[in-house]
Amino acid sequence: MSIATASSPLLFSGPDWDFDLIRRVHEACGEIGVGEMGLDPYPAQIEVITTEQMLDAYASTGMPLFYRHWSFGKHFARNEAMYRKGYQGLAYEIVINSNPCLVYIMEENSATMQTLVLAHAGYGHSHFFKNNYVFKQWTDADGILDYLEFARGYIAKCEDRHGQEEVERLLDAAHALQSHGIHRYPRKRMPDLRSEERREEERRRHGEQLFNDLWRTVPAGQKKKADADGHARRKALLGLPEENLLYFLEKTAPRLKGWQREVLRIVRLINQYFYPQRQTKVMNEGCATFVHHRIMNRLHEKGQLTDGSFLEFLHSHTSVVLQPGFDDRRYSGINPYALGFAMCCDIERICTAPTEEDREWMPDIAGNGDAYGTLRDIWANYRDESFVSQFLSPRAIRDFGLFRIVDDEDEEALNVAAIHDERGYRKIRRALSRHYDIAYRDPDIQIVDVDLAGDRKLILQHRVMDGIVLEETDTEKVLQHIADLWGYDVKLIEADDSGVEHAEHSTSPRRMFG
């Protein structure tokens, strides 16, 4: 084993490592990340895992203690086959937004790569998780691991009591709706996850009060003609319109049993936990990549990394931030690592060595001399949409060769609508910002009404934007899951803001839950 001695400034001089070296590397990264860059990460809990365990973490979205579901096994089998055949590599690390921050590192990593991933995940991602306002608003880092343990145990208990097939069928339906099982606005704050097990017992003991009040007062017999006041009262009682489909079904579906409502709640809360990560992919990876780049450079400058280790780091880093061209077979859109890292470096440059163009476009930060403080403020107070809208500079647009294309289905040719000029920069920045706006990218589907007194049909509406309707086959499959959970017919209307209906879908439950 070739590890530097205690008297040497080098942390190591070869690829081998042991747990004492991991501790020393983490401390050395902290001297730079915390001491020089002013980072404020969670305490780190570092776990060394095997290839099989990394593949398993891939399959269950990187979370430990996850409940069982057949889809995780499918993902595991696919990733394993691709890895064994050499078609894909594995991540060097997986990091969990928890307190302490869980950092999983591969046992096959060299000492250099272990240093890189500890800087990237243990300081970069961890600082972002702890300080960004979206994560503060929507996640409970202190309670997530306890909640996952409760969720896994609860679903296993349900499988023993009600059968694995019944539970998997319910999870299939819940997973199909999980992207529409979130609260997008802070009117519904993430609950204290450590209290969820106790709350589950209270819910089972006292029942669902809203459910009982709702269905006990439904008039029997022939459907009565609803007046405007009754319509308004019904919507107020049900909290309509409601965009969180899983939340509505959990609370009001008339045929679901208590354990089934709890399973829906588990899927909903875990998906809500991941919602901030969908809003901050560019910023999160940009922050972590910028942090590891600065830490690794400073370790080399201080004589703690050899030239060989530094070259190994640069090889990995340049691969991560590579942005293939549109005509490259590897192209799959804008690389979030590349864009996020480039924007962080550009902000640092604007703070320390601005041009006249920078002073015109970003007068609040140009030449302020405090690059790390500015970046910490941005990492804390923005998400991808606003980050791009505020801080994508003309220089970064030119470096990436960005331009805006309008694809109008009524026109035979594409229209290049914005290029590298003053008006074009603003249009490109606005268009790219919208690209990262989840509210714009995800279909806007809401439950708008329920026929309580009649056939109990559930009415949903899709707000059509720019004439884009839902893909019919997928819509039918997902709508079937909604009908199965609801227990009665479901109708989905696709209409734009002017009231013009573009499509209508209806379905009936196959085999009702309950």
Protein backbone atom coordinates (compact mmCIF):
# COMPACT_ATOMS: atom_id res chain seq x y z
CA MET A 1 0.00 0.00 0.00
CA SER A 2 1.42 3.37 -1.02
CA ILE A 3 0.12 5.93 1.45
CA ALA A 4 1.94 9.08 2.47
CA THR A 5 3.50 9.16 5.92
CA ALA A 6 2.31 11.45 8.69
CA SER A 7 5.31 13.79 8.15
CA SER A 8 4.53 14.23 4.46
CA PRO A 9 2.13 16.99 3.28
CA LEU A 10 0.74 14.50 0.77
CA LEU A 11 -2.51 12.84 1.74
CA PHE A 12 -1.54 9.76 -0.31
CA SER A 13 0.82 8.81 -3.12
CA GLY A 14 -0.91 5.86 -4.74
CA PRO A 15 -4.35 4.43 -5.56
CA ASP A 16 -4.80 2.46 -2.33
CA TRP A 17 -6.75 3.76 0.65
CA ASP A 18 -7.95 2.72 4.08
CA PHE A 19 -10.51 4.14 6.49
CA ASP A 20 -7.98 6.28 8.31
CA LEU A 21 -7.09 7.89 4.97
CA ILE A 22 -10.78 8.56 4.28
CA ARG A 23 -10.98 10.39 7.61
CA ARG A 24 -7.90 12.49 6.86
CA VAL A 25 -9.07 13.29 3.33
CA HIS A 26 -12.45 14.40 4.63
CA GLU A 27 -10.80 16.68 7.18
CA ALA A 28 -8.47 18.15 4.54
CA CYS A 29 -11.44 18.85 2.26
CA GLY A 30 -13.20 20.51 5.18
CA GLU A 31 -10.30 22.86 5.83
CA ILE A 32 -10.82 24.25 2.34
CA GLY A 33 -14.57 23.85 1.94
CA VAL A 34 -15.54 25.24 5.33
CA GLY A 35 -12.44 27.22 6.24
CA GLU A 36 -11.81 28.95 2.89
CA MET A 37 -15.09 28.74 0.95
CA GLY A 38 -17.40 29.29 3.92
CA LEU A 39 -19.51 26.20 3.27
CA ASP A 40 -21.98 24.98 5.90
CA PRO A 41 -22.64 21.27 5.23
CA TYR A 42 -24.38 18.64 7.33
CA PRO A 43 -22.15 16.28 9.31
CA ALA A 44 -21.15 13.44 6.97
CA GLN A 45 -21.83 9.74 7.44
CA ILE A 46 -19.62 7.93 4.92
CA GLU A 47 -20.56 4.41 3.85
CA VAL A 48 -18.36 2.25 1.60
CA ILE A 49 -20.43 0.02 -0.69
CA THR A 50 -19.83 -2.64 -3.35
CA THR A 51 -20.79 -2.66 -7.02
CA GLU A 52 -23.87 -4.76 -6.24
CA GLN A 53 -24.95 -2.33 -3.55
CA MET A 54 -24.46 0.62 -5.90
CA LEU A 55 -26.65 -1.08 -8.51
CA ASP A 56 -29.23 -1.74 -5.83
CA ALA A 57 -29.11 1.94 -4.81
CA TYR A 58 -29.62 2.90 -8.48
CA ALA A 59 -32.74 0.78 -8.64
CA SER A 60 -34.41 2.37 -5.60
CA THR A 61 -33.65 6.00 -6.53
CA GLY A 62 -30.58 6.04 -4.31
CA MET A 63 -32.46 5.83 -1.01
CA PRO A 64 -31.54 3.32 1.70
CA LEU A 65 -34.18 1.31 3.56
CA PHE A 66 -36.59 1.51 0.62
CA TYR A 67 -39.71 -0.67 0.51
CA ARG A 68 -39.87 -3.53 -1.99
CA HIS A 69 -41.46 -3.23 -5.42
CA TRP A 70 -41.03 -5.21 -8.62
CA SER A 71 -40.03 -2.09 -10.62
CA PHE A 72 -36.88 -1.72 -8.50
CA GLY A 73 -35.86 -5.25 -9.44
CA LYS A 74 -36.47 -4.49 -13.11
CA HIS A 75 -34.21 -1.45 -12.94
CA PHE A 76 -31.57 -3.47 -11.08
CA ALA A 77 -31.53 -6.20 -13.72
CA ARG A 78 -31.27 -3.71 -16.58
CA ASN A 79 -28.49 -1.65 -14.98
CA GLU A 80 -26.54 -4.77 -14.03
CA ALA A 81 -26.72 -6.14 -17.58
CA MET A 82 -25.63 -2.81 -19.06
CA TYR A 83 -22.76 -2.52 -16.58
CA ARG A 84 -21.51 -6.10 -17.09
CA LYS A 85 -21.50 -5.63 -20.88
CA GLY A 86 -19.60 -2.35 -20.57
CA TYR A 87 -22.40 -0.19 -21.99
CA GLN A 88 -22.59 2.03 -18.93
CA GLY A 89 -20.51 2.89 -15.90
CA LEU A 90 -21.48 3.42 -12.31
CA ALA A 91 -21.60 6.57 -10.24
CA TYR A 92 -18.59 7.04 -7.99
CA GLU A 93 -20.93 8.09 -5.19
CA ILE A 94 -24.54 8.55 -4.16
CA VAL A 95 -25.48 11.19 -1.62
CA ILE A 96 -28.65 11.32 0.48
CA ASN A 97 -30.28 14.52 1.71
CA SER A 98 -30.40 13.59 5.38
CA ASN A 99 -28.90 14.77 8.63
CA PRO A 100 -26.24 13.44 8.93
CA CYS A 101 -25.66 13.53 5.18
CA LEU A 102 -25.22 9.98 3.91
CA VAL A 103 -22.40 9.65 1.37
CA TYR A 104 -22.07 6.24 -0.31
CA ILE A 105 -18.66 5.71 -1.94
CA MET A 106 -17.59 2.78 -4.11
CA GLU A 107 -14.98 0.45 -2.64
CA GLU A 108 -13.42 0.16 -6.13
CA ASN A 109 -12.61 3.91 -6.21
CA SER A 110 -8.97 4.95 -6.11
CA ALA A 111 -7.76 7.25 -3.33
CA THR A 112 -7.98 10.18 -5.77
CA MET A 113 -11.58 9.40 -6.65
CA GLN A 114 -12.49 8.99 -2.99
CA THR A 115 -11.09 12.49 -2.39
CA LEU A 116 -13.06 13.84 -5.34
CA VAL A 117 -16.38 12.34 -4.28
CA LEU A 118 -15.98 13.42 -0.66
CA ALA A 119 -15.43 16.99 -1.85
CA HIS A 120 -18.30 16.74 -4.36
CA ALA A 121 -20.90 15.05 -2.17
CA GLY A 122 -19.76 15.52 1.42
CA TYR A 123 -19.25 19.26 1.02
CA GLY A 124 -20.84 20.45 -2.25
CA HIS A 125 -24.14 18.57 -2.26
CA SER A 126 -24.39 18.59 1.53
CA HIS A 127 -24.02 22.38 1.69
CA PHE A 128 -26.66 22.79 -1.01
CA PHE A 129 -29.10 20.41 0.69
CA LYS A 130 -28.75 22.19 4.02
CA ASN A 131 -28.97 25.79 2.80
CA ASN A 132 -31.13 26.00 -0.33
CA TYR A 133 -34.57 27.44 0.43
CA VAL A 134 -36.47 24.81 -1.60
CA PHE A 135 -35.01 21.99 0.49
CA LYS A 136 -35.65 23.93 3.70
CA GLN A 137 -39.25 24.41 2.65
CA TRP A 138 -40.03 20.87 1.50
CA THR A 139 -37.73 18.35 3.19
CA ASP A 140 -37.19 17.01 6.68
CA ALA A 141 -33.55 15.92 6.61
CA ASP A 142 -33.64 14.98 10.30
CA GLY A 143 -36.51 12.52 9.89
CA ILE A 144 -36.23 10.97 6.42
CA LEU A 145 -34.24 7.87 7.42
CA ASP A 146 -36.60 7.07 10.30
CA TYR A 147 -39.57 7.54 7.98
CA LEU A 148 -38.11 5.25 5.31
CA GLU A 149 -37.61 2.57 7.94
CA PHE A 150 -41.23 2.99 9.06
CA ALA A 151 -42.45 2.91 5.43
CA ARG A 152 -40.55 -0.26 4.59
CA GLY A 153 -41.80 -2.00 7.72
CA TYR A 154 -45.38 -0.84 7.18
CA ILE A 155 -45.56 -2.05 3.59
CA ALA A 156 -43.95 -5.38 4.53
CA LYS A 157 -46.61 -5.76 7.23
CA CYS A 158 -49.32 -5.00 4.67
CA GLU A 159 -47.92 -7.70 2.38
CA ASP A 160 -48.13 -10.24 5.21
CA ARG A 161 -51.72 -9.26 6.08
CA HIS A 162 -53.23 -8.58 2.66
CA GLY A 163 -50.99 -10.42 0.20
CA GLN A 164 -48.08 -9.27 -1.92
CA GLU A 165 -50.16 -9.12 -5.10
CA GLU A 166 -52.71 -6.75 -3.56
CA VAL A 167 -50.01 -4.43 -2.20
CA GLU A 168 -48.07 -4.41 -5.48
CA ARG A 169 -51.23 -3.55 -7.41
CA LEU A 170 -51.80 -0.60 -5.09
CA LEU A 171 -48.16 0.52 -5.41
CA ASP A 172 -48.40 0.25 -9.21
CA ALA A 173 -51.30 2.70 -9.16
CA ALA A 174 -49.56 5.02 -6.69
CA HIS A 175 -46.31 5.03 -8.69
CA ALA A 176 -48.20 5.83 -11.89
CA LEU A 177 -49.53 8.97 -10.18
CA GLN A 178 -46.45 9.95 -8.15
CA SER A 179 -45.48 12.88 -10.39
CA HIS A 180 -48.99 14.22 -9.70
CA GLY A 181 -48.78 13.47 -5.99
CA ILE A 182 -47.02 16.60 -4.82
CA HIS A 183 -47.95 19.98 -3.39
CA ARG A 184 -46.20 22.58 -5.52
CA TYR A 185 -46.79 25.50 -3.18
CA PRO A 186 -45.95 25.87 0.51
CA ARG A 187 -49.54 25.76 1.72
CA LYS A 188 -48.81 22.12 2.58
CA ARG A 189 -45.50 21.90 4.40
CA MET A 190 -43.59 18.65 4.66
CA PRO A 191 -44.65 17.05 7.95
CA ASP A 192 -42.36 16.02 10.76
CA LEU A 193 -41.47 12.59 9.39
CA ARG A 194 -40.36 11.20 12.73
CA SER A 195 -43.93 11.57 14.01
CA GLU A 196 -45.49 9.71 11.08
CA GLU A 197 -45.59 6.27 12.71
CA ARG A 198 -47.44 7.68 15.71
CA ARG A 199 -49.71 9.67 13.39
CA GLU A 200 -50.52 6.53 11.40
CA GLU A 201 -51.77 4.86 14.57
CA GLU A 202 -53.86 7.93 15.41
CA ARG A 203 -55.35 7.99 11.90
CA ARG A 204 -56.26 4.33 12.15
CA ARG A 205 -57.78 4.81 15.59
CA HIS A 206 -59.86 7.89 14.84
CA GLY A 207 -60.58 7.30 11.14
CA GLU A 208 -60.51 9.82 8.32
CA GLN A 209 -62.84 12.59 9.55
CA LEU A 210 -63.09 14.29 6.17
CA PHE A 211 -63.95 10.98 4.50
CA ASN A 212 -66.63 10.19 7.05
CA ASP A 213 -68.21 13.65 6.92
CA LEU A 214 -68.16 13.67 3.15
CA TRP A 215 -69.79 10.36 2.35
CA ARG A 216 -72.18 10.21 5.32
CA THR A 217 -73.93 13.34 4.06
CA VAL A 218 -74.32 12.21 0.42
CA PRO A 219 -78.03 12.15 -0.40
CA ALA A 220 -79.45 8.77 -1.30
CA GLY A 221 -81.79 7.97 -4.15
CA GLN A 222 -82.22 9.78 -7.43
CA LYS A 223 -79.71 12.43 -8.35
CA LYS A 224 -80.89 15.90 -7.37
CA LYS A 225 -80.45 18.95 -9.53
CA ALA A 226 -77.48 20.91 -8.21
CA ASP A 227 -77.70 24.64 -7.85
CA ALA A 228 -74.84 27.10 -7.91
CA ASP A 229 -74.65 27.29 -4.10
CA GLY A 230 -74.53 23.52 -3.78
CA HIS A 231 -71.82 23.34 -6.41
CA ALA A 232 -69.72 25.88 -4.52
CA ARG A 233 -70.26 24.10 -1.18
CA ARG A 234 -69.22 20.79 -2.70
CA LYS A 235 -66.03 22.25 -4.10
CA ALA A 236 -65.23 23.93 -0.80
CA LEU A 237 -65.81 20.71 1.15
CA LEU A 238 -63.55 18.75 -1.21
CA GLY A 239 -60.94 21.49 -1.53
CA LEU A 240 -61.34 21.68 -5.30
CA PRO A 241 -59.65 22.25 -7.61
CA GLU A 242 -56.84 19.99 -6.36
CA GLU A 243 -53.63 19.32 -8.32
CA ASN A 244 -52.28 16.73 -5.87
CA LEU A 245 -54.12 13.67 -7.14
CA LEU A 246 -52.67 11.23 -4.60
CA TYR A 247 -53.56 13.55 -1.73
CA PHE A 248 -57.17 13.83 -2.92
CA LEU A 249 -57.54 10.07 -3.42
CA GLU A 250 -55.92 9.32 -0.06
CA LYS A 251 -58.36 11.60 1.74
CA THR A 252 -61.63 11.08 -0.15
CA ALA A 253 -61.69 7.92 -2.31
CA PRO A 254 -64.84 6.19 -1.00
CA ARG A 255 -63.75 2.57 -1.26
CA LEU A 256 -60.18 2.62 0.03
CA LYS A 257 -59.35 0.98 3.34
CA GLY A 258 -57.22 2.62 6.00
CA TRP A 259 -54.04 0.69 5.15
CA GLN A 260 -54.45 1.56 1.47
CA ARG A 261 -54.73 5.26 2.28
CA GLU A 262 -51.56 4.99 4.35
CA VAL A 263 -49.66 3.39 1.44
CA LEU A 264 -50.75 6.24 -0.84
CA ARG A 265 -49.55 8.67 1.81
CA ILE A 266 -46.16 6.94 1.99
CA VAL A 267 -45.64 7.17 -1.77
CA ARG A 268 -46.84 10.77 -1.74
CA LEU A 269 -44.55 11.92 1.08
CA ILE A 270 -41.48 10.22 -0.38
CA ASN A 271 -42.17 11.74 -3.79
CA GLN A 272 -42.67 15.16 -2.16
CA TYR A 273 -39.26 14.69 -0.59
CA PHE A 274 -37.67 14.39 -4.05
CA TYR A 275 -39.52 17.40 -5.46
CA PRO A 276 -36.78 19.95 -4.60
CA GLN A 277 -34.20 17.87 -6.44
CA ARG A 278 -36.24 18.11 -9.63
CA GLN A 279 -36.28 21.91 -9.27
CA THR A 280 -32.55 22.31 -8.61
CA LYS A 281 -30.69 19.76 -10.76
CA VAL A 282 -28.51 22.33 -12.56
CA MET A 283 -27.78 24.35 -9.41
CA ASN A 284 -27.18 21.32 -7.18
CA GLU A 285 -24.78 19.63 -9.57
CA GLY A 286 -23.21 22.97 -10.48
CA CYS A 287 -22.57 23.73 -6.81
CA ALA A 288 -21.11 20.29 -6.07
CA THR A 289 -18.92 20.30 -9.21
CA PHE A 290 -17.65 23.82 -8.53
CA VAL A 291 -16.88 22.90 -4.90
CA HIS A 292 -14.98 19.73 -5.78
CA HIS A 293 -13.07 21.58 -8.52
CA ARG A 294 -11.95 24.30 -6.11
CA ILE A 295 -11.11 21.86 -3.30
CA MET A 296 -9.08 19.55 -5.55
CA ASN A 297 -7.19 22.51 -7.03
CA ARG A 298 -6.39 23.88 -3.56
CA LEU A 299 -5.25 20.46 -2.31
CA HIS A 300 -2.85 20.30 -5.24
CA GLU A 301 -1.65 23.87 -4.65
CA LYS A 302 -0.98 23.03 -0.99
CA GLY A 303 1.09 19.98 -1.95
CA GLN A 304 -1.44 17.48 -0.62
CA LEU A 305 -2.07 15.83 -4.01
CA THR A 306 0.59 14.54 -6.39
CA ASP A 307 0.69 15.65 -10.03
CA GLY A 308 -0.44 12.16 -11.01
CA SER A 309 -3.47 12.32 -8.72
CA PHE A 310 -4.32 15.77 -10.02
CA LEU A 311 -4.21 14.53 -13.63
CA GLU A 312 -6.48 11.62 -12.65
CA PHE A 313 -8.92 14.11 -11.14
CA LEU A 314 -8.83 16.34 -14.25
CA HIS A 315 -9.58 13.36 -16.49
CA SER A 316 -12.69 12.54 -14.45
CA HIS A 317 -13.76 16.17 -14.06
CA THR A 318 -13.55 17.01 -17.76
CA SER A 319 -15.64 13.93 -18.58
CA VAL A 320 -18.33 15.04 -16.13
CA VAL A 321 -18.59 18.60 -17.50
CA LEU A 322 -18.38 17.61 -21.18
CA GLN A 323 -21.17 19.12 -23.28
CA PRO A 324 -21.52 17.10 -26.50
CA GLY A 325 -22.63 18.96 -29.60
CA PHE A 326 -26.11 18.45 -31.01
CA ASP A 327 -24.66 16.24 -33.80
CA ASP A 328 -22.65 14.08 -31.37
CA ARG A 329 -24.03 10.58 -30.79
CA ARG A 330 -23.62 11.16 -27.05
CA TYR A 331 -25.86 14.25 -27.10
CA SER A 332 -28.92 13.99 -24.83
CA GLY A 333 -29.70 17.64 -24.17
CA ILE A 334 -27.92 20.18 -22.01
CA ASN A 335 -25.64 18.52 -19.47
CA PRO A 336 -26.67 19.93 -16.04
CA TYR A 337 -23.13 19.42 -14.70
CA ALA A 338 -21.69 21.39 -17.61
CA LEU A 339 -24.17 24.26 -17.45
CA GLY A 340 -24.21 24.50 -13.65
CA PHE A 341 -20.41 24.42 -13.33
CA ALA A 342 -19.93 26.90 -16.19
CA MET A 343 -22.41 29.36 -14.65
CA CYS A 344 -20.75 29.12 -11.22
CA CYS A 345 -17.33 29.76 -12.76
CA ASP A 346 -18.79 32.62 -14.77
CA ILE A 347 -20.31 34.19 -11.65
CA GLU A 348 -16.92 33.94 -9.93
CA ARG A 349 -15.33 35.72 -12.90
CA ILE A 350 -18.01 38.45 -12.94
CA CYS A 351 -17.43 39.09 -9.21
CA THR A 352 -13.66 39.34 -9.54
CA ALA A 353 -12.84 40.44 -13.12
CA PRO A 354 -15.97 41.80 -14.83
CA THR A 355 -16.15 43.24 -18.32
CA GLU A 356 -18.27 46.23 -19.30
CA GLU A 357 -20.83 43.78 -20.66
CA ASP A 358 -20.98 42.04 -17.26
CA ARG A 359 -21.47 45.39 -15.48
CA GLU A 360 -24.37 46.17 -17.77
CA TRP A 361 -26.09 42.80 -17.42
CA MET A 362 -25.35 42.04 -13.75
CA PRO A 363 -24.62 45.31 -11.96
CA ASP A 364 -25.52 43.91 -8.52
CA ILE A 365 -22.65 41.40 -8.44
CA ALA A 366 -20.15 42.67 -11.04
CA GLY A 367 -16.84 43.51 -9.38
CA ASN A 368 -18.04 42.98 -5.79
CA GLY A 369 -14.88 40.98 -5.01
CA ASP A 370 -16.75 38.34 -2.98
CA ALA A 371 -17.19 35.39 -5.32
CA TYR A 372 -17.72 32.72 -2.65
CA GLY A 373 -20.17 34.88 -0.69
CA THR A 374 -22.12 35.66 -3.86
CA LEU A 375 -22.27 31.99 -4.83
CA ARG A 376 -23.40 30.95 -1.33
CA ASP A 377 -26.20 33.52 -1.54
CA ILE A 378 -27.26 32.28 -4.98
CA TRP A 379 -27.11 28.62 -3.95
CA ALA A 380 -29.37 29.43 -0.99
CA ASN A 381 -32.00 31.60 -2.64
CA TYR A 382 -32.61 30.38 -6.18
CA ARG A 383 -33.77 27.32 -8.09
CA ASP A 384 -32.92 26.33 -11.68
CA GLU A 385 -35.59 28.47 -13.32
CA SER A 386 -34.66 31.70 -11.51
CA PHE A 387 -30.93 30.85 -11.51
CA VAL A 388 -30.85 30.73 -15.31
CA SER A 389 -33.18 33.70 -15.64
CA GLN A 390 -30.97 35.91 -13.45
CA PHE A 391 -27.41 34.70 -13.95
CA LEU A 392 -26.98 33.20 -17.43
CA SER A 393 -24.63 35.76 -18.95
CA PRO A 394 -24.17 36.65 -22.63
CA ARG A 395 -20.67 35.22 -22.40
CA ALA A 396 -21.98 31.85 -21.17
CA ILE A 397 -24.59 31.88 -23.97
CA ARG A 398 -21.82 32.42 -26.52
CA ASP A 399 -19.58 29.77 -24.94
CA PHE A 400 -22.35 27.18 -25.18
CA GLY A 401 -23.40 28.35 -28.64
CA LEU A 402 -27.03 28.65 -27.56
CA PHE A 403 -29.76 29.91 -29.84
CA ARG A 404 -33.53 29.66 -29.79
CA ILE A 405 -35.61 27.73 -32.32
CA VAL A 406 -39.37 27.97 -32.75
CA ASP A 407 -40.95 24.72 -33.94
CA ASP A 408 -44.40 25.66 -35.24
CA GLU A 409 -46.39 22.67 -36.47
CA ASP A 410 -48.13 24.92 -39.01
CA GLU A 411 -44.81 25.87 -40.63
CA GLU A 412 -42.72 23.59 -42.84
CA ALA A 413 -39.37 24.97 -41.66
CA LEU A 414 -37.87 25.68 -38.23
CA ASN A 415 -37.48 29.32 -37.32
CA VAL A 416 -34.30 30.51 -35.58
CA ALA A 417 -35.90 33.11 -33.33
CA ALA A 418 -32.94 34.33 -31.27
CA ILE A 419 -29.18 34.53 -31.87
CA HIS A 420 -26.22 36.20 -30.18
CA ASP A 421 -27.31 39.81 -29.97
CA GLU A 422 -28.80 41.86 -27.15
CA ARG A 423 -32.43 40.97 -27.87
CA GLY A 424 -31.41 37.40 -28.59
CA TYR A 425 -29.65 36.96 -25.25
CA ARG A 426 -32.80 37.90 -23.38
CA LYS A 427 -34.98 35.60 -25.46
CA ILE A 428 -32.56 32.69 -25.08
CA ARG A 429 -32.29 33.20 -21.33
CA ARG A 430 -36.06 33.42 -21.00
CA ALA A 431 -36.62 30.29 -23.10
CA LEU A 432 -33.98 28.25 -21.25
CA SER A 433 -35.36 29.41 -17.91
CA ARG A 434 -38.81 28.16 -18.89
CA HIS A 435 -37.24 24.84 -19.87
CA TYR A 436 -36.31 24.33 -16.21
CA ASP A 437 -39.72 25.44 -14.89
CA ILE A 438 -41.37 22.24 -13.69
CA ALA A 439 -44.78 23.91 -13.59
CA TYR A 440 -44.43 24.56 -17.32
CA ARG A 441 -42.88 21.19 -18.26
CA ASP A 442 -45.24 18.91 -16.31
CA PRO A 443 -48.84 18.69 -17.53
CA ASP A 444 -51.23 20.78 -15.42
CA ILE A 445 -53.88 18.22 -14.39
CA GLN A 446 -56.34 18.98 -11.60
CA ILE A 447 -59.39 17.37 -10.07
CA VAL A 448 -62.15 19.92 -10.65
CA ASP A 449 -65.38 18.24 -9.58
CA VAL A 450 -67.06 15.13 -8.17
CA ASP A 451 -70.68 14.13 -8.68
CA LEU A 452 -71.42 13.34 -5.04
CA ALA A 453 -75.18 12.91 -5.35
CA GLY A 454 -75.24 10.97 -8.61
CA ASP A 455 -72.88 8.41 -10.08
CA ARG A 456 -69.86 9.76 -8.13
CA LYS A 457 -67.91 10.37 -11.32
CA LEU A 458 -64.56 12.10 -10.80
CA ILE A 459 -63.87 14.96 -13.21
CA LEU A 460 -60.30 16.00 -14.05
CA GLN A 461 -59.08 18.72 -16.35
CA HIS A 462 -55.82 19.12 -18.25
CA ARG A 463 -54.89 22.70 -19.00
CA VAL A 464 -53.65 22.60 -22.60
CA MET A 465 -50.75 24.98 -23.30
CA ASP A 466 -49.44 25.78 -26.79
CA GLY A 467 -51.84 23.22 -28.23
CA ILE A 468 -49.95 20.27 -26.66
CA VAL A 469 -52.32 17.49 -25.58
CA LEU A 470 -51.52 14.36 -23.59
CA GLU A 471 -50.20 11.21 -25.25
CA GLU A 472 -53.29 9.04 -25.62
CA THR A 473 -51.93 5.60 -24.71
CA ASP A 474 -50.21 6.81 -21.54
CA THR A 475 -53.24 8.88 -20.59
CA GLU A 476 -55.52 5.85 -20.81
CA LYS A 477 -53.21 3.75 -18.62
CA VAL A 478 -52.82 6.40 -15.93
CA LEU A 479 -56.53 7.24 -15.98
CA GLN A 480 -57.26 3.56 -15.42
CA HIS A 481 -55.18 3.62 -12.24
CA ILE A 482 -57.11 6.69 -11.03
CA ALA A 483 -60.44 4.94 -11.70
CA ASP A 484 -59.29 1.83 -9.84
CA LEU A 485 -58.32 3.90 -6.79
CA TRP A 486 -61.43 6.08 -6.93
CA GLY A 487 -63.77 3.13 -7.39
CA TYR A 488 -66.10 4.88 -9.84
CA ASP A 489 -65.95 6.35 -13.35
CA VAL A 490 -63.38 9.02 -14.16
CA LYS A 491 -63.40 11.62 -16.93
CA LEU A 492 -60.51 13.81 -18.07
CA ILE A 493 -61.18 16.90 -20.17
CA GLU A 494 -58.34 18.61 -22.07
CA ALA A 495 -59.12 22.30 -22.57
CA ASP A 496 -57.14 25.49 -23.07
CA ASP A 497 -57.55 28.79 -21.25
CA SER A 498 -60.11 30.01 -23.77
CA GLY A 499 -62.38 27.07 -22.93
CA VAL A 500 -61.85 25.17 -26.18
CA GLU A 501 -61.88 21.40 -25.57
CA HIS A 502 -59.15 19.49 -27.39
CA ALA A 503 -59.85 15.96 -26.16
CA GLU A 504 -61.86 13.95 -23.64
CA HIS A 505 -61.01 10.63 -21.98
CA SER A 506 -63.23 8.41 -19.84
CA THR A 507 -62.75 5.10 -18.09
CA SER A 508 -64.37 2.83 -15.51
CA PRO A 509 -62.67 0.89 -12.71
CA ARG A 510 -61.56 -2.65 -13.49
CA ARG A 511 -61.32 -4.24 -10.07
CA MET A 512 -61.91 -1.78 -7.28
CA PHE A 513 -59.64 -1.49 -4.26
CA GLY A 514 -61.27 -2.01 -0.95
